[in-house]
N, C-alpha and C. Protein backbone atom coordinates (compact mmCIF):
# COMPACT_ATOMS: atom_id res chain seq x y z
N MET A 1 -151.39 -3.47 214.43
CA MET A 1 -151.80 -4.53 215.33
C MET A 1 -152.04 -3.95 216.71
N SER A 2 -153.22 -4.18 217.27
CA SER A 2 -153.52 -3.63 218.58
C SER A 2 -153.15 -4.63 219.67
N ASP A 3 -153.02 -4.08 220.89
CA ASP A 3 -152.78 -4.95 222.04
C ASP A 3 -154.01 -5.80 222.29
N LYS A 4 -153.82 -6.99 222.82
CA LYS A 4 -154.92 -7.91 223.07
C LYS A 4 -155.38 -7.82 224.52
N VAL A 5 -156.64 -8.19 224.75
CA VAL A 5 -157.20 -8.33 226.08
C VAL A 5 -157.72 -9.76 226.19
N TYR A 6 -157.47 -10.40 227.32
CA TYR A 6 -157.87 -11.78 227.51
C TYR A 6 -158.86 -11.91 228.66
N LYS A 7 -159.73 -12.87 228.54
CA LYS A 7 -160.63 -13.26 229.62
C LYS A 7 -160.20 -14.65 230.06
N THR A 8 -160.29 -14.95 231.35
CA THR A 8 -159.98 -16.29 231.82
C THR A 8 -161.20 -16.90 232.50
N ILE A 9 -161.31 -18.21 232.36
CA ILE A 9 -162.32 -18.97 233.09
C ILE A 9 -161.60 -20.10 233.80
N GLU A 10 -162.24 -20.67 234.80
CA GLU A 10 -161.65 -21.79 235.52
C GLU A 10 -162.58 -23.00 235.40
N LEU A 11 -162.01 -24.12 235.00
CA LEU A 11 -162.75 -25.37 234.84
C LEU A 11 -161.99 -26.50 235.51
N THR A 12 -162.71 -27.54 235.89
CA THR A 12 -162.08 -28.75 236.41
C THR A 12 -162.46 -29.91 235.51
N GLY A 13 -161.45 -30.47 234.86
CA GLY A 13 -161.65 -31.64 234.02
C GLY A 13 -161.37 -32.90 234.82
N THR A 14 -162.02 -33.99 234.46
CA THR A 14 -161.82 -35.25 235.16
C THR A 14 -161.48 -36.36 234.19
N SER A 15 -160.83 -37.40 234.73
CA SER A 15 -160.46 -38.55 233.91
C SER A 15 -160.17 -39.74 234.81
N LYS A 16 -160.52 -40.92 234.36
CA LYS A 16 -160.14 -42.15 235.06
C LYS A 16 -158.75 -42.61 234.63
N THR A 17 -158.19 -41.97 233.57
CA THR A 17 -156.95 -42.43 232.97
C THR A 17 -155.71 -41.65 233.41
N SER A 18 -155.76 -40.29 233.28
CA SER A 18 -154.54 -39.51 233.52
C SER A 18 -154.84 -38.04 233.76
N MET A 19 -153.82 -37.35 234.28
CA MET A 19 -153.93 -35.89 234.44
C MET A 19 -154.06 -35.22 233.09
N GLU A 20 -153.27 -35.67 232.12
CA GLU A 20 -153.29 -35.06 230.79
C GLU A 20 -154.67 -35.19 230.15
N GLU A 21 -155.30 -36.34 230.30
CA GLU A 21 -156.63 -36.52 229.74
C GLU A 21 -157.65 -35.62 230.45
N ALA A 22 -157.49 -35.42 231.74
CA ALA A 22 -158.38 -34.52 232.48
C ALA A 22 -158.28 -33.10 231.96
N VAL A 23 -157.05 -32.64 231.68
CA VAL A 23 -156.84 -31.31 231.11
C VAL A 23 -157.48 -31.24 229.73
N ASN A 24 -157.23 -32.24 228.91
CA ASN A 24 -157.81 -32.27 227.56
C ASN A 24 -159.34 -32.26 227.61
N ASN A 25 -159.93 -32.97 228.55
CA ASN A 25 -161.38 -32.98 228.67
C ASN A 25 -161.92 -31.59 229.00
N ALA A 26 -161.24 -30.86 229.88
CA ALA A 26 -161.67 -29.50 230.21
C ALA A 26 -161.55 -28.57 229.00
N VAL A 27 -160.41 -28.64 228.31
CA VAL A 27 -160.19 -27.77 227.14
C VAL A 27 -161.16 -28.13 226.01
N ASN A 28 -161.36 -29.40 225.76
CA ASN A 28 -162.29 -29.81 224.70
C ASN A 28 -163.71 -29.37 224.99
N ARG A 29 -164.12 -29.44 226.25
CA ARG A 29 -165.47 -29.00 226.60
C ARG A 29 -165.61 -27.50 226.43
N ALA A 30 -164.60 -26.73 226.84
CA ALA A 30 -164.64 -25.28 226.68
C ALA A 30 -164.72 -24.92 225.19
N HIS A 31 -164.01 -25.65 224.36
CA HIS A 31 -163.97 -25.38 222.92
C HIS A 31 -165.36 -25.52 222.27
N LYS A 32 -166.24 -26.32 222.86
CA LYS A 32 -167.57 -26.52 222.30
C LYS A 32 -168.44 -25.27 222.37
N THR A 33 -168.20 -24.41 223.37
CA THR A 33 -169.09 -23.25 223.55
C THR A 33 -168.36 -21.91 223.57
N LEU A 34 -167.05 -21.91 223.58
CA LEU A 34 -166.28 -20.67 223.64
C LEU A 34 -165.39 -20.53 222.42
N ARG A 35 -165.06 -19.29 222.08
CA ARG A 35 -164.20 -19.04 220.92
C ARG A 35 -162.88 -18.43 221.37
N HIS A 36 -161.91 -18.51 220.50
CA HIS A 36 -160.62 -17.84 220.64
C HIS A 36 -159.83 -18.30 221.87
N LEU A 37 -159.90 -19.60 222.19
CA LEU A 37 -159.10 -20.13 223.29
C LEU A 37 -157.63 -20.02 222.91
N ARG A 38 -156.80 -19.56 223.84
CA ARG A 38 -155.39 -19.30 223.52
C ARG A 38 -154.41 -20.04 224.42
N TRP A 39 -154.71 -20.25 225.69
CA TRP A 39 -153.75 -20.88 226.59
C TRP A 39 -154.48 -21.50 227.78
N PHE A 40 -153.77 -22.35 228.51
CA PHE A 40 -154.30 -22.89 229.76
C PHE A 40 -153.18 -22.93 230.79
N GLN A 41 -153.59 -22.94 232.05
CA GLN A 41 -152.65 -23.02 233.17
C GLN A 41 -153.24 -23.98 234.19
N VAL A 42 -152.52 -25.02 234.54
CA VAL A 42 -152.97 -25.95 235.57
C VAL A 42 -152.80 -25.28 236.93
N THR A 43 -153.89 -25.19 237.70
CA THR A 43 -153.84 -24.53 239.00
C THR A 43 -153.99 -25.49 240.17
N ASP A 44 -154.52 -26.69 239.92
CA ASP A 44 -154.72 -27.64 241.00
C ASP A 44 -154.86 -29.04 240.43
N THR A 45 -154.33 -30.01 241.13
CA THR A 45 -154.46 -31.40 240.72
C THR A 45 -154.87 -32.22 241.94
N ARG A 46 -155.90 -33.02 241.76
CA ARG A 46 -156.38 -33.88 242.83
C ARG A 46 -156.67 -35.25 242.25
N GLY A 47 -156.81 -36.23 243.13
CA GLY A 47 -157.17 -37.56 242.68
C GLY A 47 -157.93 -38.31 243.75
N HIS A 48 -158.58 -39.36 243.32
CA HIS A 48 -159.33 -40.23 244.23
C HIS A 48 -158.61 -41.57 244.30
N ILE A 49 -158.43 -42.09 245.52
CA ILE A 49 -157.71 -43.33 245.74
C ILE A 49 -158.66 -44.38 246.29
N GLU A 50 -158.60 -45.58 245.74
CA GLU A 50 -159.33 -46.73 246.27
C GLU A 50 -158.39 -47.92 246.33
N ASP A 51 -158.33 -48.56 247.46
CA ASP A 51 -157.47 -49.74 247.66
C ASP A 51 -156.04 -49.48 247.23
N GLY A 52 -155.53 -48.28 247.54
CA GLY A 52 -154.15 -47.95 247.24
C GLY A 52 -153.86 -47.61 245.79
N GLU A 53 -154.89 -47.51 244.97
CA GLU A 53 -154.72 -47.20 243.55
C GLU A 53 -155.42 -45.89 243.20
N ILE A 54 -154.81 -45.12 242.31
CA ILE A 54 -155.46 -43.92 241.79
C ILE A 54 -156.54 -44.35 240.82
N VAL A 55 -157.78 -43.93 241.09
CA VAL A 55 -158.89 -44.35 240.23
C VAL A 55 -159.56 -43.19 239.50
N HIS A 56 -159.19 -41.96 239.86
CA HIS A 56 -159.84 -40.82 239.22
C HIS A 56 -158.99 -39.58 239.43
N TRP A 57 -158.81 -38.82 238.37
CA TRP A 57 -158.06 -37.56 238.40
C TRP A 57 -159.02 -36.38 238.27
N GLN A 58 -158.72 -35.28 238.97
CA GLN A 58 -159.42 -34.00 238.82
C GLN A 58 -158.35 -32.93 238.66
N VAL A 59 -158.37 -32.21 237.55
CA VAL A 59 -157.37 -31.17 237.28
C VAL A 59 -158.09 -29.87 236.98
N THR A 60 -157.78 -28.85 237.79
CA THR A 60 -158.38 -27.53 237.59
C THR A 60 -157.45 -26.70 236.73
N VAL A 61 -158.01 -26.07 235.71
CA VAL A 61 -157.23 -25.24 234.79
C VAL A 61 -157.89 -23.87 234.64
N LYS A 62 -157.05 -22.87 234.44
CA LYS A 62 -157.51 -21.56 233.97
C LYS A 62 -157.31 -21.58 232.46
N ILE A 63 -158.32 -21.17 231.73
CA ILE A 63 -158.24 -21.12 230.28
C ILE A 63 -158.38 -19.67 229.85
N GLY A 64 -157.43 -19.20 229.05
CA GLY A 64 -157.45 -17.82 228.56
C GLY A 64 -157.95 -17.75 227.15
N MET A 65 -158.76 -16.74 226.89
CA MET A 65 -159.29 -16.55 225.54
C MET A 65 -159.20 -15.07 225.17
N THR A 66 -159.01 -14.81 223.89
CA THR A 66 -158.94 -13.45 223.39
C THR A 66 -160.35 -12.86 223.33
N ILE A 67 -160.50 -11.64 223.79
CA ILE A 67 -161.76 -10.92 223.70
C ILE A 67 -161.87 -10.33 222.29
N GLU A 68 -163.02 -10.50 221.68
CA GLU A 68 -163.22 -9.99 220.32
C GLU A 68 -163.33 -8.46 220.34
N ASP A 69 -162.90 -7.85 219.24
CA ASP A 69 -163.03 -6.39 219.07
C ASP A 69 -164.45 -6.03 218.74
């Protein structure tokens, strides 16, 4: 078994519902065009407020993927 090398990308997922859904949206979108996704790390969380209510989440994640041999 050889040592692995990873590549990371940074994406920002959005959601009107929750932080978790924003992360899932980013990971699901990455999965459509990238292979070998292995992990994610939340690096930033933001939101939009209207009339004292949170109406939109933005969550930035780093996604790690294994580089193919």
